[in-house]
């Protein structure tokens, strides 16, 4: 088992959580925010460095599958 410091923790959320304060809080807690980008008339608080990772892409695909069940 990896030591706690080496485990990457991610948090998936819908675009309602795409706010700079929330993203900054996640990063401060060493949690990678896999929050859907809200670009409707504004720029997203989720950095492109996060959005372009393979893990982010997988999280968004899984999130869509989950939301289809509830939609």
PDB file of N, CA and C in Angstrom:
ATOM      1  N   UNK A   1       0.837  -1.181   0.000  1.00  0.00           N
ATOM      2  CA  UNK A   1       0.000   0.000   0.000  1.00  0.00           C
ATOM      3  C   UNK A   1       0.883   1.247   0.000  1.00  0.00           C
ATOM      4  N   UNK A   2       0.466   2.244  -0.750  1.00  0.00           N
ATOM      5  CA  UNK A   2       1.234   3.476  -0.832  1.00  0.00           C
ATOM      6  C   UNK A   2       1.021   4.334   0.416  1.00  0.00           C
ATOM      7  N   UNK A   3       2.049   5.067   0.805  1.00  0.00           N
ATOM      8  CA  UNK A   3       1.845   6.023   1.898  1.00  0.00           C
ATOM      9  C   UNK A   3       0.804   7.059   1.491  1.00  0.00           C
ATOM     10  N   UNK A   4       0.103   7.614   2.442  1.00  0.00           N
ATOM     11  CA  UNK A   4      -0.975   8.569   2.183  1.00  0.00           C
ATOM     12  C   UNK A   4      -0.533   9.701   1.261  1.00  0.00           C
ATOM     13  N   UNK A   5       0.673  10.192   1.441  1.00  0.00           N
ATOM     14  CA  UNK A   5       1.148  11.322   0.647  1.00  0.00           C
ATOM     15  C   UNK A   5       1.255  10.986  -0.839  1.00  0.00           C
ATOM     16  N   UNK A   6       1.368   9.712  -1.186  1.00  0.00           N
ATOM     17  CA  UNK A   6       1.552   9.316  -2.574  1.00  0.00           C
ATOM     18  C   UNK A   6       0.248   8.940  -3.270  1.00  0.00           C
ATOM     19  N   UNK A   7      -0.841   8.908  -2.547  1.00  0.00           N
ATOM     20  CA  UNK A   7      -2.130   8.551  -3.139  1.00  0.00           C
ATOM     21  C   UNK A   7      -2.774   9.804  -3.710  1.00  0.00           C
ATOM     22  N   UNK A   8      -3.134   9.742  -4.975  1.00  0.00           N
ATOM     23  CA  UNK A   8      -3.806  10.880  -5.585  1.00  0.00           C
ATOM     24  C   UNK A   8      -5.298  10.800  -5.267  1.00  0.00           C
ATOM     25  N   UNK A   9      -5.832  11.876  -4.753  1.00  0.00           N
ATOM     26  CA  UNK A   9      -7.251  11.953  -4.433  1.00  0.00           C
ATOM     27  C   UNK A   9      -7.894  12.897  -5.427  1.00  0.00           C
ATOM     28  N   UNK A  10      -8.981  12.433  -6.031  1.00  0.00           N
ATOM     29  CA  UNK A  10      -9.711  13.272  -6.976  1.00  0.00           C
ATOM     30  C   UNK A  10     -11.146  13.439  -6.487  1.00  0.00           C
ATOM     31  N   UNK A  11     -11.785  14.491  -6.978  1.00  0.00           N
ATOM     32  CA  UNK A  11     -13.169  14.754  -6.629  1.00  0.00           C
ATOM     33  C   UNK A  11     -13.910  15.120  -7.901  1.00  0.00           C
ATOM     34  N   UNK A  12     -14.913  14.337  -8.252  1.00  0.00           N
ATOM     35  CA  UNK A  12     -15.727  14.628  -9.421  1.00  0.00           C
ATOM     36  C   UNK A  12     -16.976  15.392  -9.016  1.00  0.00           C
ATOM     37  N   UNK A  13     -17.345  16.385  -9.816  1.00  0.00           N
ATOM     38  CA  UNK A  13     -18.539  17.175  -9.519  1.00  0.00           C
ATOM     39  C   UNK A  13     -19.065  17.800 -10.803  1.00  0.00           C
ATOM     40  N   UNK A  14     -20.336  18.215 -10.767  1.00  0.00           N
ATOM     41  CA  UNK A  14     -20.905  18.837 -11.956  1.00  0.00           C
ATOM     42  C   UNK A  14     -20.476  20.301 -12.055  1.00  0.00           C
ATOM     43  N   UNK A  15     -20.882  20.948 -13.114  1.00  0.00           N
ATOM     44  CA  UNK A  15     -20.385  22.297 -13.392  1.00  0.00           C
ATOM     45  C   UNK A  15     -20.869  23.352 -12.401  1.00  0.00           C
ATOM     46  N   UNK A  16     -21.820  23.024 -11.564  1.00  0.00           N
ATOM     47  CA  UNK A  16     -22.246  23.952 -10.528  1.00  0.00           C
ATOM     48  C   UNK A  16     -21.145  24.232  -9.513  1.00  0.00           C
ATOM     49  N   UNK A  17     -20.162  23.348  -9.438  1.00  0.00           N
ATOM     50  CA  UNK A  17     -19.041  23.511  -8.516  1.00  0.00           C
ATOM     51  C   UNK A  17     -17.838  24.175  -9.179  1.00  0.00           C
ATOM     52  N   UNK A  18     -17.995  24.629 -10.402  1.00  0.00           N
ATOM     53  CA  UNK A  18     -16.911  25.287 -11.124  1.00  0.00           C
ATOM     54  C   UNK A  18     -16.810  26.745 -10.664  1.00  0.00           C
ATOM     55  N   UNK A  19     -16.309  26.915  -9.454  1.00  0.00           N
ATOM     56  CA  UNK A  19     -16.119  28.238  -8.859  1.00  0.00           C
ATOM     57  C   UNK A  19     -14.694  28.300  -8.317  1.00  0.00           C
ATOM     58  N   UNK A  20     -14.051  29.430  -8.485  1.00  0.00           N
ATOM     59  CA  UNK A  20     -12.650  29.557  -8.105  1.00  0.00           C
ATOM     60  C   UNK A  20     -12.413  29.216  -6.636  1.00  0.00           C
ATOM     61  N   UNK A  21     -13.295  29.644  -5.757  1.00  0.00           N
ATOM     62  CA  UNK A  21     -13.130  29.368  -4.325  1.00  0.00           C
ATOM     63  C   UNK A  21     -13.142  27.861  -4.047  1.00  0.00           C
ATOM     64  N   UNK A  22     -14.044  27.134  -4.699  1.00  0.00           N
ATOM     65  CA  UNK A  22     -14.130  25.686  -4.509  1.00  0.00           C
ATOM     66  C   UNK A  22     -12.888  24.983  -5.060  1.00  0.00           C
ATOM     67  N   UNK A  23     -12.478  25.377  -6.253  1.00  0.00           N
ATOM     68  CA  UNK A  23     -11.303  24.767  -6.889  1.00  0.00           C
ATOM     69  C   UNK A  23     -10.063  25.026  -6.035  1.00  0.00           C
ATOM     70  N   UNK A  24      -9.906  26.261  -5.555  1.00  0.00           N
ATOM     71  CA  UNK A  24      -8.756  26.599  -4.708  1.00  0.00           C
ATOM     72  C   UNK A  24      -8.764  25.786  -3.412  1.00  0.00           C
ATOM     73  N   UNK A  25      -9.939  25.596  -2.808  1.00  0.00           N
ATOM     74  CA  UNK A  25     -10.042  24.815  -1.578  1.00  0.00           C
ATOM     75  C   UNK A  25      -9.636  23.362  -1.818  1.00  0.00           C
ATOM     76  N   UNK A  26     -10.057  22.797  -2.952  1.00  0.00           N
ATOM     77  CA  UNK A  26      -9.668  21.423  -3.286  1.00  0.00           C
ATOM     78  C   UNK A  26      -8.157  21.310  -3.411  1.00  0.00           C
ATOM     79  N   UNK A  27      -7.569  22.226  -4.147  1.00  0.00           N
ATOM     80  CA  UNK A  27      -6.128  22.195  -4.373  1.00  0.00           C
ATOM     81  C   UNK A  27      -5.379  22.365  -3.052  1.00  0.00           C
ATOM     82  N   UNK A  28      -5.881  23.243  -2.189  1.00  0.00           N
ATOM     83  CA  UNK A  28      -5.253  23.444  -0.881  1.00  0.00           C
ATOM     84  C   UNK A  28      -5.268  22.163  -0.056  1.00  0.00           C
ATOM     85  N   UNK A  29      -6.329  21.366  -0.205  1.00  0.00           N
ATOM     86  CA  UNK A  29      -6.434  20.095   0.520  1.00  0.00           C
ATOM     87  C   UNK A  29      -5.759  18.944  -0.225  1.00  0.00           C
ATOM     88  N   UNK A  30      -5.054  19.275  -1.307  1.00  0.00           N
ATOM     89  CA  UNK A  30      -4.346  18.289  -2.138  1.00  0.00           C
ATOM     90  C   UNK A  30      -5.303  17.292  -2.779  1.00  0.00           C
ATOM     91  N   UNK A  31      -6.455  17.802  -3.196  1.00  0.00           N
ATOM     92  CA  UNK A  31      -7.456  17.021  -3.919  1.00  0.00           C
ATOM     93  C   UNK A  31      -7.527  17.584  -5.330  1.00  0.00           C
ATOM     94  N   UNK A  32      -7.401  16.722  -6.327  1.00  0.00           N
ATOM     95  CA  UNK A  32      -7.493  17.176  -7.715  1.00  0.00           C
ATOM     96  C   UNK A  32      -8.954  17.285  -8.104  1.00  0.00           C
ATOM     97  N   UNK A  33      -9.430  18.503  -8.422  1.00  0.00           N
ATOM     98  CA  UNK A  33     -10.845  18.676  -8.747  1.00  0.00           C
ATOM     99  C   UNK A  33     -11.152  18.256 -10.184  1.00  0.00           C
ATOM    100  N   UNK A  34     -11.941  17.225 -10.339  1.00  0.00           N
ATOM    101  CA  UNK A  34     -12.412  16.805 -11.657  1.00  0.00           C
ATOM    102  C   UNK A  34     -13.842  17.335 -11.823  1.00  0.00           C
ATOM    103  N   UNK A  35     -13.938  18.651 -11.812  1.00  0.00           N
ATOM    104  CA  UNK A  35     -15.215  19.351 -11.907  1.00  0.00           C
ATOM    105  C   UNK A  35     -15.476  19.668 -13.370  1.00  0.00           C
ATOM    106  N   UNK A  36     -16.701  19.426 -13.827  1.00  0.00           N
ATOM    107  CA  UNK A  36     -17.055  19.746 -15.212  1.00  0.00           C
ATOM    108  C   UNK A  36     -16.887  21.247 -15.433  1.00  0.00           C
ATOM    109  N   UNK A  37     -16.288  21.604 -16.540  1.00  0.00           N
ATOM    110  CA  UNK A  37     -16.048  23.011 -16.827  1.00  0.00           C
ATOM    111  C   UNK A  37     -17.344  23.705 -17.245  1.00  0.00           C
ATOM    112  N   UNK A  38     -17.589  24.861 -16.641  1.00  0.00           N
ATOM    113  CA  UNK A  38     -18.734  25.695 -17.004  1.00  0.00           C
ATOM    114  C   UNK A  38     -18.191  26.880 -17.783  1.00  0.00           C
ATOM    115  N   UNK A  39     -18.339  26.825 -19.094  1.00  0.00           N
ATOM    116  CA  UNK A  39     -17.810  27.888 -19.945  1.00  0.00           C
ATOM    117  C   UNK A  39     -18.924  28.700 -20.598  1.00  0.00           C
ATOM    118  N   UNK A  40     -20.109  28.631 -20.042  1.00  0.00           N
ATOM    119  CA  UNK A  40     -21.254  29.371 -20.581  1.00  0.00           C
ATOM    120  C   UNK A  40     -21.094  30.859 -20.286  1.00  0.00           C
ATOM    121  N   UNK A  41     -20.517  31.568 -21.230  1.00  0.00           N
ATOM    122  CA  UNK A  41     -20.355  33.010 -21.095  1.00  0.00           C
ATOM    123  C   UNK A  41     -19.253  33.437 -20.137  1.00  0.00           C
ATOM    124  N   UNK A  42     -18.403  32.522 -19.716  1.00  0.00           N
ATOM    125  CA  UNK A  42     -17.309  32.865 -18.803  1.00  0.00           C
ATOM    126  C   UNK A  42     -16.201  31.833 -18.935  1.00  0.00           C
ATOM    127  N   UNK A  43     -15.091  32.111 -18.280  1.00  0.00           N
ATOM    128  CA  UNK A  43     -14.011  31.127 -18.294  1.00  0.00           C
ATOM    129  C   UNK A  43     -14.152  30.210 -17.077  1.00  0.00           C
ATOM    130  N   UNK A  44     -13.695  29.013 -17.230  1.00  0.00           N
ATOM    131  CA  UNK A  44     -13.805  28.002 -16.178  1.00  0.00           C
ATOM    132  C   UNK A  44     -12.727  28.207 -15.125  1.00  0.00           C
ATOM    133  N   UNK A  45     -13.047  27.876 -13.886  1.00  0.00           N
ATOM    134  CA  UNK A  45     -12.061  27.922 -12.800  1.00  0.00           C
ATOM    135  C   UNK A  45     -11.147  26.700 -12.843  1.00  0.00           C
ATOM    136  N   UNK A  46     -11.561  25.661 -13.562  1.00  0.00           N
ATOM    137  CA  UNK A  46     -10.743  24.450 -13.698  1.00  0.00           C
ATOM    138  C   UNK A  46      -9.646  24.745 -14.717  1.00  0.00           C
ATOM    139  N   UNK A  47      -8.409  24.619 -14.292  1.00  0.00           N
ATOM    140  CA  UNK A  47      -7.295  24.948 -15.182  1.00  0.00           C
ATOM    141  C   UNK A  47      -7.211  23.957 -16.343  1.00  0.00           C
ATOM    142  N   UNK A  48      -6.645  24.423 -17.420  1.00  0.00           N
ATOM    143  CA  UNK A  48      -6.446  23.552 -18.582  1.00  0.00           C
ATOM    144  C   UNK A  48      -5.467  22.432 -18.252  1.00  0.00           C
ATOM    145  N   UNK A  49      -4.542  22.686 -17.334  1.00  0.00           N
ATOM    146  CA  UNK A  49      -3.591  21.642 -16.921  1.00  0.00           C
ATOM    147  C   UNK A  49      -4.329  20.447 -16.329  1.00  0.00           C
ATOM    148  N   UNK A  50      -5.399  20.704 -15.586  1.00  0.00           N
ATOM    149  CA  UNK A  50      -6.208  19.622 -15.016  1.00  0.00           C
ATOM    150  C   UNK A  50      -7.109  19.037 -16.096  1.00  0.00           C
ATOM    151  N   UNK A  51      -7.767  19.893 -16.861  1.00  0.00           N
ATOM    152  CA  UNK A  51      -8.749  19.450 -17.850  1.00  0.00           C
ATOM    153  C   UNK A  51      -8.149  18.609 -18.974  1.00  0.00           C
ATOM    154  N   UNK A  52      -6.865  18.723 -19.207  1.00  0.00           N
ATOM    155  CA  UNK A  52      -6.243  17.985 -20.305  1.00  0.00           C
ATOM    156  C   UNK A  52      -5.620  16.661 -19.873  1.00  0.00           C
ATOM    157  N   UNK A  53      -5.800  16.277 -18.611  1.00  0.00           N
ATOM    158  CA  UNK A  53      -5.231  15.001 -18.157  1.00  0.00           C
ATOM    159  C   UNK A  53      -6.136  13.833 -18.545  1.00  0.00           C
ATOM    160  N   UNK A  54      -5.541  12.681 -18.631  1.00  0.00           N
ATOM    161  CA  UNK A  54      -6.304  11.477 -18.962  1.00  0.00           C
ATOM    162  C   UNK A  54      -7.305  11.148 -17.855  1.00  0.00           C
ATOM    163  N   UNK A  55      -6.912  11.352 -16.606  1.00  0.00           N
ATOM    164  CA  UNK A  55      -7.799  11.073 -15.476  1.00  0.00           C
ATOM    165  C   UNK A  55      -9.041  11.942 -15.489  1.00  0.00           C
ATOM    166  N   UNK A  56      -8.887  13.200 -15.872  1.00  0.00           N
ATOM    167  CA  UNK A  56     -10.028  14.118 -15.968  1.00  0.00           C
ATOM    168  C   UNK A  56     -11.002  13.620 -17.044  1.00  0.00           C
ATOM    169  N   UNK A  57     -10.477  13.201 -18.174  1.00  0.00           N
ATOM    170  CA  UNK A  57     -11.326  12.705 -19.264  1.00  0.00           C
ATOM    171  C   UNK A  57     -12.123  11.478 -18.817  1.00  0.00           C
ATOM    172  N   UNK A  58     -11.475  10.572 -18.117  1.00  0.00           N
ATOM    173  CA  UNK A  58     -12.167   9.376 -17.614  1.00  0.00           C
ATOM    174  C   UNK A  58     -13.249   9.779 -16.616  1.00  0.00           C
ATOM    175  N   UNK A  59     -12.933  10.698 -15.717  1.00  0.00           N
ATOM    176  CA  UNK A  59     -13.916  11.150 -14.726  1.00  0.00           C
ATOM    177  C   UNK A  59     -15.152  11.737 -15.399  1.00  0.00           C
ATOM    178  N   UNK A  60     -14.950  12.514 -16.447  1.00  0.00           N
ATOM    179  CA  UNK A  60     -16.084  13.137 -17.138  1.00  0.00           C
ATOM    180  C   UNK A  60     -16.935  12.091 -17.860  1.00  0.00           C
ATOM    181  N   UNK A  61     -16.294  11.064 -18.412  1.00  0.00           N
ATOM    182  CA  UNK A  61     -17.045   9.982 -19.056  1.00  0.00           C
ATOM    183  C   UNK A  61     -17.880   9.220 -18.029  1.00  0.00           C
ATOM    184  N   UNK A  62     -17.288   8.901 -16.897  1.00  0.00           N
ATOM    185  CA  UNK A  62     -18.006   8.174 -15.842  1.00  0.00           C
ATOM    186  C   UNK A  62     -19.137   9.013 -15.264  1.00  0.00           C
ATOM    187  N   UNK A  63     -18.891  10.325 -15.104  1.00  0.00           N
ATOM    188  CA  UNK A  63     -19.911  11.230 -14.581  1.00  0.00           C
ATOM    189  C   UNK A  63     -21.124  11.245 -15.510  1.00  0.00           C
ATOM    190  N   UNK A  64     -20.872  11.273 -16.808  1.00  0.00           N
ATOM    191  CA  UNK A  64     -21.965  11.277 -17.774  1.00  0.00           C
ATOM    192  C   UNK A  64     -22.794   9.999 -17.662  1.00  0.00           C
ATOM    193  N   UNK A  65     -22.135   8.853 -17.513  1.00  0.00           N
ATOM    194  CA  UNK A  65     -22.859   7.583 -17.364  1.00  0.00           C
ATOM    195  C   UNK A  65     -23.752   7.591 -16.127  1.00  0.00           C
ATOM    196  N   UNK A  66     -23.235   8.124 -15.038  1.00  0.00           N
ATOM    197  CA  UNK A  66     -24.005   8.187 -13.797  1.00  0.00           C
ATOM    198  C   UNK A  66     -25.203   9.123 -13.957  1.00  0.00           C
ATOM    199  N   UNK A  67     -24.979  10.286 -14.550  1.00  0.00           N
ATOM    200  CA  UNK A  67     -26.057  11.271 -14.707  1.00  0.00           C
ATOM    201  C   UNK A  67     -27.164  10.765 -15.633  1.00  0.00           C
ATOM    202  N   UNK A  68     -26.826   9.922 -16.597  1.00  0.00           N
ATOM    203  CA  UNK A  68     -27.850   9.381 -17.497  1.00  0.00           C
ATOM    204  C   UNK A  68     -28.853   8.539 -16.730  1.00  0.00           C
ATOM    205  N   UNK A  69     -28.412   7.858 -15.697  1.00  0.00           N
ATOM    206  CA  UNK A  69     -29.313   7.050 -14.884  1.00  0.00           C
ATOM    207  C   UNK A  69     -30.331   7.889 -14.129  1.00  0.00           C
ATOM    208  N   UNK A  70     -29.931   9.105 -13.744  1.00  0.00           N
ATOM    209  CA  UNK A  70     -30.799   9.976 -12.966  1.00  0.00           C
ATOM    210  C   UNK A  70     -31.595  10.940 -13.828  1.00  0.00           C
ATOM    211  N   UNK A  71     -31.188  11.112 -15.102  1.00  0.00           N
ATOM    212  CA  UNK A  71     -31.809  12.116 -15.976  1.00  0.00           C
ATOM    213  C   UNK A  71     -32.961  11.661 -16.703  1.00  0.00           C
TER     214      UNK A  71
END
